[in-house]
């Protein structure tokens, strides 16, 4: 491992086996922005090296250079001791490098099998593609993962976790010796995450080097051998994972202490406030079944559940993205029947979707147009066209308010890091002035410091009377909520007060391992 001197704390242990990957003195500039400056990392066979840093720290840029998507301005890359030029993704594949990006690079209209087979060399001597051989190997890979993805289903029909498994399977089809995983468990349940950790153990036992990127710091310390931290494009230090805890790792990443998220305490009971949204028997088979839901003005209501429990499908019904098969909704006591997300926004309902790149952003458009596209209409024009000057000014204010790292609001939003893209989506929805803001996995890919900023925004909105419906696979962050409802197999099974909404308790309810306590649990306090 490249030895570095951290700001404080021990250096990572010296590894005697030669690195399978070395990146030395890597620098990269985009326009006037220095994305990376003299960064060096080393990965050894059978090692899990975690790469940590805030959004915009340079992690994704470093991986994109390694993948041949970007080129470094300076520095060298060595693979198994040999200096290499990685000019294209094909070069990276040839060298035994495989990448599972945070934003999965899959073809939606292709089947899972077709996506898994991309890049795999399975031709007969005659040059004809061996489809049966591909299927056999794909099934063997799925057995190894222990996760059954329907191979003949189109990717666009799969859940986010299913798509991630497809991307992982594609890497394993190539027999890669170095695998980079970017936010691999972002939308996973604990059970799915544990399965992934087992796969990582198998790969490292076979001598595969894993470059692991995650904002879930407890996960980083659990799965990694060593941790390299970047901040503002520079190397902070390299550390042995066993010598770190969450607090010390957070200090290295952010450069200061960050307060832990504590359970929400308010002077008043939000459930005594007027009802804003109410559903009765809301159903869309097979994922949403007979849901009775009540959200009060100014309430932060969490939704806990396993992947596939119907949480995202419920959010899509509330915003009008999908029609309900039966049941009814009222908004402020008035019948509410949105036929599209545009109807939902007009009524005062906004949704931050789970998958930001395909559902929340126009990647080639500017930061300004993305932030203002749902709210900035010129009232002087009947056609409601944008006023570019007002849009830019509004976007600059939002960039400052939400801490979006960008050199200009005129930059393409696709050039931002994943966490900064998430902030753009949140700001876009907040600027519509919603009465109900639905957040589906709001902090996926968002660093530990920026999460606190998003939580502050949520609290401020609730204090001003906006209702919040927050869906999250990270049950720890549901501590921000006044109340949490549990969804299982399309139905709401429990309503849990904030004081009882611990990770362990919510997990047991989601898996059905706790005795059913009725629709509402009483707060023992």
Protein backbone atom coordinates (compact mmCIF):
# COMPACT_ATOMS: atom_id res chain seq x y z
CA UNK A 1 0.00 0.00 0.00
CA UNK A 2 1.21 3.52 -0.68
CA UNK A 3 2.20 4.88 2.71
CA UNK A 4 0.74 8.27 3.60
CA UNK A 5 0.75 10.42 6.68
CA UNK A 6 -2.80 11.09 7.87
CA UNK A 7 -3.78 14.25 9.67
CA UNK A 8 -4.20 12.22 12.85
CA UNK A 9 -4.43 8.55 13.67
CA UNK A 10 -2.40 5.53 12.54
CA UNK A 11 -1.23 4.74 9.06
CA UNK A 12 -2.57 1.71 7.26
CA UNK A 13 -0.50 -1.45 7.78
CA UNK A 14 2.22 -2.30 5.31
CA UNK A 15 1.16 -5.11 2.96
CA UNK A 16 4.02 -7.29 1.73
CA UNK A 17 2.25 -8.72 -1.33
CA UNK A 18 2.70 -6.47 -4.40
CA UNK A 19 -0.31 -4.33 -5.34
CA UNK A 20 -2.62 -5.47 -8.12
CA UNK A 21 -3.45 -1.80 -8.72
CA UNK A 22 -1.52 1.42 -8.13
CA UNK A 23 -2.65 4.93 -9.03
CA UNK A 24 0.14 7.42 -8.37
CA UNK A 25 0.05 11.23 -8.48
CA UNK A 26 -3.31 11.38 -10.25
CA UNK A 27 -4.54 14.91 -11.03
CA UNK A 28 -7.57 16.02 -13.01
CA UNK A 29 -9.04 19.43 -13.73
CA UNK A 30 -12.42 20.27 -15.27
CA UNK A 31 -12.33 23.85 -16.49
CA UNK A 32 -11.31 25.88 -13.47
CA UNK A 33 -12.25 23.13 -10.99
CA UNK A 34 -9.50 20.92 -9.60
CA UNK A 35 -11.27 17.57 -9.16
CA UNK A 36 -8.15 15.62 -8.14
CA UNK A 37 -4.70 16.79 -7.07
CA UNK A 38 -1.77 14.39 -6.69
CA UNK A 39 -3.85 11.47 -5.39
CA UNK A 40 -2.25 8.04 -4.87
CA UNK A 41 -3.88 4.77 -3.84
CA UNK A 42 -2.81 1.11 -3.82
CA UNK A 43 -4.98 -2.02 -3.85
CA UNK A 44 -3.63 -5.49 -3.08
CA UNK A 45 -4.97 -8.91 -4.14
CA UNK A 46 -7.60 -10.18 -1.70
CA UNK A 47 -7.96 -6.75 -0.08
CA UNK A 48 -11.03 -4.55 0.36
CA UNK A 49 -9.91 -0.92 0.13
CA UNK A 50 -12.66 1.57 0.96
CA UNK A 51 -12.54 4.94 -0.76
CA UNK A 52 -14.32 7.56 1.35
CA UNK A 53 -15.04 11.26 1.05
CA UNK A 54 -17.78 13.85 0.86
CA UNK A 55 -19.71 14.47 -2.34
CA UNK A 56 -17.36 16.16 -4.77
CA UNK A 57 -14.25 14.85 -2.99
CA UNK A 58 -13.07 13.19 -6.20
CA UNK A 59 -13.96 9.52 -5.60
CA UNK A 60 -16.09 9.09 -8.72
CA UNK A 61 -13.58 11.00 -10.86
CA UNK A 62 -10.81 8.67 -9.69
CA UNK A 63 -12.90 5.61 -10.57
CA UNK A 64 -13.90 7.06 -13.94
CA UNK A 65 -10.21 7.56 -14.78
CA UNK A 66 -9.52 3.96 -13.80
CA UNK A 67 -12.46 2.83 -15.94
CA UNK A 68 -11.21 4.70 -19.02
CA UNK A 69 -14.17 7.08 -19.04
CA UNK A 70 -12.01 10.10 -18.17
CA UNK A 71 -8.29 10.69 -18.72
CA UNK A 72 -5.99 12.01 -16.01
CA UNK A 73 -4.05 15.24 -16.60
CA UNK A 74 -1.04 13.67 -14.88
CA UNK A 75 -0.06 10.57 -12.91
CA UNK A 76 0.45 6.88 -13.63
CA UNK A 77 -1.59 3.69 -13.33
CA UNK A 78 -0.01 0.29 -12.75
CA UNK A 79 -1.92 -2.97 -12.99
CA UNK A 80 -0.11 -5.97 -11.51
CA UNK A 81 3.13 -4.01 -11.60
CA UNK A 82 2.89 -2.96 -15.24
CA UNK A 83 2.32 0.67 -16.16
CA UNK A 84 -0.79 0.90 -18.32
CA UNK A 85 -2.61 3.47 -20.42
CA UNK A 86 -6.37 3.11 -19.89
CA UNK A 87 -7.87 5.21 -22.65
CA UNK A 88 -11.21 3.40 -23.06
CA UNK A 89 -13.54 1.16 -21.03
CA UNK A 90 -12.40 -1.67 -23.32
CA UNK A 91 -8.83 -1.19 -22.07
CA UNK A 92 -10.05 -1.50 -18.48
CA UNK A 93 -11.96 -4.71 -19.26
CA UNK A 94 -8.94 -6.20 -21.02
CA UNK A 95 -6.85 -5.58 -17.90
CA UNK A 96 -9.32 -7.44 -15.68
CA UNK A 97 -10.98 -4.36 -14.16
CA UNK A 98 -14.73 -4.31 -13.62
CA UNK A 99 -16.95 -1.50 -12.36
CA UNK A 100 -20.36 -1.39 -10.71
CA UNK A 101 -21.22 2.28 -10.75
CA UNK A 102 -23.60 4.04 -8.40
CA UNK A 103 -25.71 4.95 -11.43
CA UNK A 104 -26.05 1.56 -13.08
CA UNK A 105 -25.07 1.44 -16.76
CA UNK A 106 -27.72 -0.96 -17.98
CA UNK A 107 -29.87 -1.03 -21.12
CA UNK A 108 -33.49 -0.75 -19.88
CA UNK A 109 -35.07 -2.38 -22.94
CA UNK A 110 -32.72 -5.38 -22.81
CA UNK A 111 -33.41 -8.41 -20.64
CA UNK A 112 -31.43 -9.15 -17.51
CA UNK A 113 -29.60 -11.94 -19.38
CA UNK A 114 -28.72 -9.66 -22.29
CA UNK A 115 -27.29 -7.08 -19.87
CA UNK A 116 -25.39 -9.71 -17.90
CA UNK A 117 -23.89 -11.12 -21.12
CA UNK A 118 -22.56 -7.76 -22.36
CA UNK A 119 -18.83 -7.98 -22.86
CA UNK A 120 -18.68 -11.70 -22.10
CA UNK A 121 -16.77 -13.79 -24.63
CA UNK A 122 -19.02 -16.77 -25.35
CA UNK A 123 -18.75 -17.72 -28.98
CA UNK A 124 -18.44 -21.13 -30.54
CA UNK A 125 -15.60 -21.99 -32.90
CA UNK A 126 -17.89 -21.08 -35.76
CA UNK A 127 -18.16 -17.57 -34.36
CA UNK A 128 -21.84 -17.97 -33.42
CA UNK A 129 -22.85 -16.69 -29.99
CA UNK A 130 -23.37 -19.57 -27.55
CA UNK A 131 -26.68 -18.50 -26.02
CA UNK A 132 -27.13 -21.68 -24.03
CA UNK A 133 -23.63 -21.38 -22.62
CA UNK A 134 -24.30 -17.76 -21.63
CA UNK A 135 -27.50 -18.74 -19.86
CA UNK A 136 -25.77 -21.60 -18.01
CA UNK A 137 -22.99 -19.32 -16.81
CA UNK A 138 -25.45 -16.56 -15.85
CA UNK A 139 -27.45 -19.07 -13.79
CA UNK A 140 -24.24 -20.25 -12.13
CA UNK A 141 -23.34 -16.65 -11.28
CA UNK A 142 -26.82 -16.09 -9.85
CA UNK A 143 -26.41 -19.22 -7.72
CA UNK A 144 -23.14 -17.82 -6.44
CA UNK A 145 -24.81 -14.53 -5.57
CA UNK A 146 -27.75 -16.35 -4.01
CA UNK A 147 -30.21 -13.94 -5.60
CA UNK A 148 -32.78 -14.97 -8.20
CA UNK A 149 -33.23 -12.27 -10.84
CA UNK A 150 -35.62 -13.28 -13.67
CA UNK A 151 -33.19 -13.49 -16.59
CA UNK A 152 -35.82 -12.96 -19.29
CA UNK A 153 -37.38 -9.87 -17.68
CA UNK A 154 -36.52 -6.47 -19.13
CA UNK A 155 -34.31 -4.39 -16.85
CA UNK A 156 -36.81 -1.52 -16.85
CA UNK A 157 -39.26 -3.86 -15.09
CA UNK A 158 -36.83 -4.75 -12.29
CA UNK A 159 -36.44 -3.15 -8.86
CA UNK A 160 -33.35 -1.07 -8.07
CA UNK A 161 -31.80 -3.89 -6.02
CA UNK A 162 -32.49 -6.38 -8.85
CA UNK A 163 -30.74 -4.05 -11.31
CA UNK A 164 -27.73 -3.80 -9.04
CA UNK A 165 -27.51 -7.58 -8.88
CA UNK A 166 -27.63 -7.68 -12.68
CA UNK A 167 -24.67 -5.31 -12.80
CA UNK A 168 -22.79 -7.41 -10.23
CA UNK A 169 -23.52 -10.58 -12.20
CA UNK A 170 -22.14 -8.94 -15.35
CA UNK A 171 -18.87 -8.27 -13.49
CA UNK A 172 -18.64 -11.85 -12.27
CA UNK A 173 -19.25 -13.14 -15.82
CA UNK A 174 -16.00 -11.45 -16.88
CA UNK A 175 -13.85 -13.10 -14.16
CA UNK A 176 -12.50 -9.69 -13.15
CA UNK A 177 -9.48 -9.54 -10.82
CA UNK A 178 -10.18 -5.99 -9.66
CA UNK A 179 -13.75 -4.89 -8.94
CA UNK A 180 -14.85 -1.35 -8.02
CA UNK A 181 -18.22 -1.11 -6.24
CA UNK A 182 -19.80 2.34 -5.93
CA UNK A 183 -22.56 2.56 -3.26
CA UNK A 184 -23.40 -1.14 -3.64
CA UNK A 185 -25.96 -1.39 -0.81
CA UNK A 186 -27.68 1.98 -1.24
CA UNK A 187 -31.11 0.43 -1.83
CA UNK A 188 -30.56 -2.90 -0.09
CA UNK A 189 -32.23 -4.39 2.95
CA UNK A 190 -29.95 -5.66 5.70
CA UNK A 191 -30.49 -9.20 4.46
CA UNK A 192 -29.44 -8.26 0.92
CA UNK A 193 -26.44 -6.32 2.26
CA UNK A 194 -25.33 -9.33 4.32
CA UNK A 195 -25.53 -11.46 1.19
CA UNK A 196 -23.31 -8.97 -0.64
CA UNK A 197 -20.76 -9.04 2.19
CA UNK A 198 -20.61 -12.81 1.74
CA UNK A 199 -19.96 -12.34 -1.98
CA UNK A 200 -17.18 -9.87 -1.18
CA UNK A 201 -15.62 -12.43 1.17
CA UNK A 202 -15.73 -15.06 -1.59
CA UNK A 203 -14.14 -12.73 -4.13
CA UNK A 204 -11.31 -11.65 -1.83
CA UNK A 205 -10.68 -15.29 -0.84
CA UNK A 206 -10.09 -15.89 -4.57
CA UNK A 207 -7.54 -13.06 -4.65
CA UNK A 208 -9.80 -10.41 -6.18
CA UNK A 209 -9.07 -6.85 -5.06
CA UNK A 210 -12.16 -4.78 -4.18
CA UNK A 211 -12.30 -1.00 -4.35
CA UNK A 212 -15.34 -0.18 -2.19
CA UNK A 213 -17.09 3.20 -2.18
CA UNK A 214 -19.90 3.87 0.29
CA UNK A 215 -21.28 6.70 2.40
CA UNK A 216 -22.53 4.18 4.97
CA UNK A 217 -19.63 4.43 7.38
CA UNK A 218 -20.58 1.51 9.62
CA UNK A 219 -20.67 -0.63 6.50
CA UNK A 220 -17.27 0.67 5.40
CA UNK A 221 -15.70 -0.29 8.71
CA UNK A 222 -17.40 -3.69 8.63
CA UNK A 223 -16.43 -4.76 5.13
CA UNK A 224 -13.05 -3.10 4.45
CA UNK A 225 -9.46 -3.86 5.44
CA UNK A 226 -8.19 -0.34 4.88
CA UNK A 227 -9.74 3.07 4.24
CA UNK A 228 -8.41 5.87 2.04
CA UNK A 229 -10.02 9.28 2.54
CA UNK A 230 -10.25 12.11 0.01
CA UNK A 231 -11.36 15.66 0.70
CA UNK A 232 -11.76 18.37 -1.96
CA UNK A 233 -9.81 16.30 -4.46
CA UNK A 234 -6.82 15.69 -2.20
CA UNK A 235 -5.62 12.70 -0.23
CA UNK A 236 -6.28 13.07 3.51
CA UNK A 237 -4.75 9.75 4.53
CA UNK A 238 -4.90 5.97 4.56
CA UNK A 239 -5.94 4.07 7.68
CA UNK A 240 -6.43 0.55 8.92
CA UNK A 241 -10.18 0.00 9.29
CA UNK A 242 -9.67 -1.71 12.66
CA UNK A 243 -8.19 1.53 14.05
CA UNK A 244 -11.21 3.66 13.12
CA UNK A 245 -14.72 4.18 14.40
CA UNK A 246 -17.57 6.11 12.81
CA UNK A 247 -16.76 9.32 14.70
CA UNK A 248 -13.07 9.36 13.74
CA UNK A 249 -13.78 8.42 10.12
CA UNK A 250 -16.37 11.20 9.95
CA UNK A 251 -13.78 13.71 11.18
CA UNK A 252 -11.37 12.64 8.45
CA UNK A 253 -14.07 12.94 5.77
CA UNK A 254 -15.68 16.22 6.84
CA UNK A 255 -12.79 17.86 8.68
CA UNK A 256 -14.89 18.41 11.80
CA UNK A 257 -17.20 16.62 14.21
CA UNK A 258 -20.75 15.93 12.99
CA UNK A 259 -23.61 15.53 15.44
CA UNK A 260 -25.38 12.17 15.50
CA UNK A 261 -29.00 12.05 14.34
CA UNK A 262 -31.23 11.84 17.42
CA UNK A 263 -34.87 10.93 17.67
CA UNK A 264 -37.18 13.81 16.92
CA UNK A 265 -38.66 15.61 19.91
CA UNK A 266 -41.32 18.29 19.44
CA UNK A 267 -43.32 20.42 21.85
CA UNK A 268 -46.59 19.40 20.24
CA UNK A 269 -48.01 16.15 18.92
CA UNK A 270 -48.20 16.49 15.10
CA UNK A 271 -51.01 13.93 14.98
CA UNK A 272 -53.28 16.49 16.69
CA UNK A 273 -52.82 18.88 13.75
CA UNK A 274 -55.37 18.94 10.90
CA UNK A 275 -55.22 16.08 8.43
CA UNK A 276 -53.61 17.02 5.11
CA UNK A 277 -53.74 13.75 3.14
CA UNK A 278 -55.86 10.69 3.77
CA UNK A 279 -56.16 7.50 1.76
CA UNK A 280 -58.84 4.84 2.11
CA UNK A 281 -58.44 1.35 0.69
CA UNK A 282 -55.85 2.54 -1.82
CA UNK A 283 -54.93 -0.42 -4.02
CA UNK A 284 -52.79 -1.19 -7.04
CA UNK A 285 -52.02 -4.89 -7.23
CA UNK A 286 -49.72 -6.55 -6.56
CA UNK A 287 -47.58 -4.06 -4.61
CA UNK A 288 -50.14 -1.80 -2.86
CA UNK A 289 -53.10 -3.38 -1.12
CA UNK A 290 -55.90 -1.67 0.80
CA UNK A 291 -53.76 1.13 2.29
CA UNK A 292 -55.36 3.48 4.81
CA UNK A 293 -52.91 6.30 5.45
CA UNK A 294 -53.23 9.61 7.30
CA UNK A 295 -50.68 12.43 7.14
CA UNK A 296 -51.10 15.54 9.29
CA UNK A 297 -49.99 19.08 8.56
CA UNK A 298 -46.37 19.59 9.56
CA UNK A 299 -45.85 15.90 10.33
CA UNK A 300 -42.74 13.98 9.29
CA UNK A 301 -44.06 10.49 8.62
CA UNK A 302 -41.59 7.72 7.85
CA UNK A 303 -42.27 4.59 5.81
CA UNK A 304 -40.18 1.53 6.68
CA UNK A 305 -40.20 -1.71 4.75
CA UNK A 306 -38.09 -4.18 2.84
CA UNK A 307 -37.31 -3.69 -0.84
CA UNK A 308 -40.40 -4.87 -2.71
CA UNK A 309 -42.77 -4.08 0.17
CA UNK A 310 -44.57 -1.50 -1.97
CA UNK A 311 -43.11 1.75 -0.59
CA UNK A 312 -42.10 3.26 -3.93
CA UNK A 313 -45.30 2.07 -5.58
CA UNK A 314 -47.31 3.85 -2.86
CA UNK A 315 -45.37 7.07 -3.50
CA UNK A 316 -46.13 6.81 -7.23
CA UNK A 317 -49.85 6.52 -6.49
CA UNK A 318 -49.74 9.60 -4.24
CA UNK A 319 -48.02 11.75 -6.87
CA UNK A 320 -50.15 10.49 -9.76
CA UNK A 321 -47.45 8.58 -11.66
CA UNK A 322 -49.61 5.43 -11.55
CA UNK A 323 -53.41 5.16 -11.31
CA UNK A 324 -55.00 3.37 -8.38
CA UNK A 325 -57.20 0.37 -9.17
CA UNK A 326 -59.45 1.09 -6.20
CA UNK A 327 -59.68 3.25 -3.11
CA UNK A 328 -59.77 7.00 -2.67
CA UNK A 329 -57.66 9.96 -1.54
CA UNK A 330 -58.47 13.34 -0.06
CA UNK A 331 -56.17 16.35 0.16
CA UNK A 332 -57.22 18.93 2.72
CA UNK A 333 -60.65 17.29 2.82
CA UNK A 334 -61.15 17.57 -0.95
CA UNK A 335 -61.14 14.54 -3.29
CA UNK A 336 -57.67 14.12 -4.76
CA UNK A 337 -57.34 12.17 -8.03
CA UNK A 338 -54.04 13.06 -9.75
CA UNK A 339 -53.73 11.68 -13.26
CA UNK A 340 -50.08 12.61 -13.64
CA UNK A 341 -47.18 14.01 -11.56
CA UNK A 342 -48.03 17.40 -13.06
CA UNK A 343 -51.49 17.15 -11.46
CA UNK A 344 -49.82 16.26 -8.17
CA UNK A 345 -47.50 19.26 -8.31
CA UNK A 346 -50.42 21.59 -9.14
CA UNK A 347 -52.24 20.25 -6.08
CA UNK A 348 -49.20 20.82 -3.86
CA UNK A 349 -47.62 17.35 -3.80
CA UNK A 350 -44.00 16.81 -4.88
CA UNK A 351 -41.86 13.67 -5.08
CA UNK A 352 -38.10 13.20 -4.82
CA UNK A 353 -37.85 9.85 -6.67
CA UNK A 354 -35.71 6.89 -5.72
CA UNK A 355 -33.77 6.85 -9.00
CA UNK A 356 -32.62 10.43 -9.57
CA UNK A 357 -30.86 10.09 -12.94
CA UNK A 358 -33.69 8.46 -14.88
CA UNK A 359 -36.64 9.94 -12.97
CA UNK A 360 -35.54 13.24 -11.44
CA UNK A 361 -33.03 14.89 -13.77
CA UNK A 362 -32.37 15.86 -17.37
CA UNK A 363 -28.67 15.07 -17.37
CA UNK A 364 -27.68 17.12 -20.42
CA UNK A 365 -29.52 20.21 -19.18
CA UNK A 366 -27.98 22.77 -16.88
CA UNK A 367 -28.13 22.84 -13.11
CA UNK A 368 -30.30 25.95 -13.39
CA UNK A 369 -32.90 24.41 -15.70
CA UNK A 370 -33.11 21.26 -13.59
CA UNK A 371 -33.60 23.18 -10.35
CA UNK A 372 -36.27 25.46 -11.77
CA UNK A 373 -38.07 23.25 -14.30
CA UNK A 374 -40.98 22.44 -11.98
CA UNK A 375 -41.46 25.90 -10.50
CA UNK A 376 -40.06 28.73 -12.64
CA UNK A 377 -42.76 29.83 -15.03
CA UNK A 378 -43.01 33.42 -16.18
CA UNK A 379 -46.46 34.66 -15.04
CA UNK A 380 -46.39 37.35 -17.72
CA UNK A 381 -46.51 34.77 -20.50
CA UNK A 382 -49.61 32.69 -21.09
CA UNK A 383 -47.53 29.77 -22.35
CA UNK A 384 -45.63 29.66 -19.06
CA UNK A 385 -42.16 29.74 -20.62
CA UNK A 386 -38.98 30.07 -18.57
CA UNK A 387 -37.47 33.44 -17.79
CA UNK A 388 -33.74 32.56 -18.11
CA UNK A 389 -32.56 35.48 -15.99
CA UNK A 390 -34.96 34.73 -13.15
CA UNK A 391 -34.26 31.01 -13.43
CA UNK A 392 -30.50 31.54 -13.12
CA UNK A 393 -30.93 33.83 -10.11
CA UNK A 394 -33.29 31.38 -8.42
CA UNK A 395 -30.91 28.52 -9.16
CA UNK A 396 -27.94 30.38 -7.68
CA UNK A 397 -29.91 30.99 -4.49
CA UNK A 398 -30.86 27.29 -4.36
CA UNK A 399 -27.27 26.19 -4.96
CA UNK A 400 -26.20 28.27 -1.96
CA UNK A 401 -29.11 27.14 0.23
CA UNK A 402 -28.68 23.44 -0.51
CA UNK A 403 -24.89 23.41 -0.67
CA UNK A 404 -24.66 22.14 -4.26
CA UNK A 405 -21.04 21.99 -5.40
CA UNK A 406 -20.86 23.31 -8.94
CA UNK A 407 -18.62 25.84 -10.67
CA UNK A 408 -21.65 27.38 -12.42
CA UNK A 409 -25.43 26.93 -12.54
CA UNK A 410 -24.99 26.72 -16.31
CA UNK A 411 -22.96 23.48 -16.08
CA UNK A 412 -24.68 20.27 -17.18
CA UNK A 413 -26.13 18.53 -14.13
CA UNK A 414 -24.78 15.22 -15.43
CA UNK A 415 -21.27 16.43 -14.61
CA UNK A 416 -22.03 16.70 -10.88
CA UNK A 417 -21.32 14.01 -8.33
CA UNK A 418 -24.19 11.72 -7.32
CA UNK A 419 -24.77 13.45 -4.01
CA UNK A 420 -24.87 16.90 -5.60
CA UNK A 421 -27.31 15.62 -8.20
CA UNK A 422 -29.51 14.48 -5.31
CA UNK A 423 -29.40 17.96 -3.80
CA UNK A 424 -30.53 19.40 -7.15
CA UNK A 425 -33.55 17.06 -7.19
CA UNK A 426 -34.45 17.97 -3.59
CA UNK A 427 -34.13 21.68 -4.31
CA UNK A 428 -36.27 21.36 -7.46
CA UNK A 429 -39.10 19.81 -5.43
CA UNK A 430 -38.80 22.23 -2.50
CA UNK A 431 -39.02 25.21 -4.87
CA UNK A 432 -42.50 24.11 -5.95
CA UNK A 433 -43.68 25.08 -2.46
CA UNK A 434 -45.27 21.70 -1.73
CA UNK A 435 -47.82 21.10 1.00
CA UNK A 436 -46.75 17.45 0.95
CA UNK A 437 -43.18 16.51 0.06
CA UNK A 438 -42.54 12.80 -0.58
CA UNK A 439 -38.91 11.72 -0.24
CA UNK A 440 -38.02 8.27 -1.59
CA UNK A 441 -34.53 7.33 -0.34
CA UNK A 442 -33.53 11.01 0.02
CA UNK A 443 -29.93 10.46 1.16
CA UNK A 444 -28.78 7.66 -1.15
CA UNK A 445 -25.27 8.55 -2.30
CA UNK A 446 -25.16 11.63 -0.06
CA UNK A 447 -22.15 12.10 2.23
CA UNK A 448 -22.39 12.27 6.01
CA UNK A 449 -22.03 16.06 6.17
CA UNK A 450 -24.60 16.77 3.43
CA UNK A 451 -27.09 14.40 5.05
CA UNK A 452 -27.24 16.72 8.05
CA UNK A 453 -28.00 19.60 5.71
CA UNK A 454 -30.89 17.65 4.12
CA UNK A 455 -32.24 16.72 7.56
CA UNK A 456 -32.17 20.42 8.54
CA UNK A 457 -34.14 21.27 5.39
CA UNK A 458 -36.71 18.59 6.25
CA UNK A 459 -37.08 19.90 9.82
CA UNK A 460 -37.44 23.50 8.61
CA UNK A 461 -40.12 22.52 6.09
CA UNK A 462 -42.06 20.62 8.74
CA UNK A 463 -41.79 23.55 11.15
CA UNK A 464 -43.31 25.81 8.47
CA UNK A 465 -46.28 23.44 8.09
CA UNK A 466 -45.18 21.29 5.14
CA UNK A 467 -46.00 17.61 5.58
CA UNK A 468 -43.21 15.11 4.84
CA UNK A 469 -43.55 11.48 3.80
CA UNK A 470 -40.07 9.94 4.04
CA UNK A 471 -39.26 6.49 2.63
CA UNK A 472 -35.87 5.10 3.62
CA UNK A 473 -34.02 1.79 3.69
CA UNK A 474 -31.68 3.32 6.28
CA UNK A 475 -33.84 2.83 9.36
CA UNK A 476 -31.43 4.87 11.50
CA UNK A 477 -32.34 8.04 9.63
CA UNK A 478 -36.05 7.52 10.34
CA UNK A 479 -35.20 8.91 13.78
CA UNK A 480 -36.00 12.28 12.22
CA UNK A 481 -39.66 11.29 11.91
CA UNK A 482 -42.56 11.97 14.28
CA UNK A 483 -44.04 8.58 13.44
CA UNK A 484 -43.13 5.61 11.27
CA UNK A 485 -45.51 3.26 9.48
CA UNK A 486 -44.33 -0.19 8.49
CA UNK A 487 -45.20 -1.61 5.08
CA UNK A 488 -45.03 -5.33 4.37
CA UNK A 489 -46.20 -7.16 1.23
CA UNK A 490 -48.10 -4.10 0.03
CA UNK A 491 -50.01 -3.42 3.25
CA UNK A 492 -49.46 -1.13 6.22
CA UNK A 493 -49.03 -3.30 9.30
CA UNK A 494 -47.91 -0.98 12.11
CA UNK A 495 -47.73 2.68 13.12
CA UNK A 496 -44.80 3.29 15.45
CA UNK A 497 -44.16 6.46 17.53
CA UNK A 498 -40.76 8.11 17.25
CA UNK A 499 -39.56 6.82 20.60
CA UNK A 500 -40.11 3.22 19.47
CA UNK A 501 -38.80 3.60 15.92
CA UNK A 502 -35.39 2.05 16.53
CA UNK A 503 -33.53 0.19 13.81
CA UNK A 504 -33.85 -3.16 15.58
CA UNK A 505 -37.57 -2.77 16.26
CA UNK A 506 -38.41 -1.60 12.74
CA UNK A 507 -36.37 -4.41 11.23
CA UNK A 508 -38.21 -7.02 13.28
CA UNK A 509 -41.56 -5.57 12.21
CA UNK A 510 -40.54 -5.54 8.54
CA UNK A 511 -39.57 -9.20 8.67
CA UNK A 512 -42.63 -10.11 10.70
CA UNK A 513 -40.49 -11.55 13.51
CA UNK A 514 -42.23 -9.44 16.15
CA UNK A 515 -45.74 -10.29 17.26
CA UNK A 516 -48.31 -8.12 15.53
CA UNK A 517 -49.17 -5.35 17.97
CA UNK A 518 -52.09 -3.86 16.10
CA UNK A 519 -52.22 -0.90 13.78
CA UNK A 520 -50.87 1.64 16.27
CA UNK A 521 -48.32 1.17 19.02
CA UNK A 522 -48.59 3.31 22.11
CA UNK A 523 -45.71 5.54 23.15
CA UNK A 524 -44.68 4.23 26.59
CA UNK A 525 -43.60 7.69 27.63
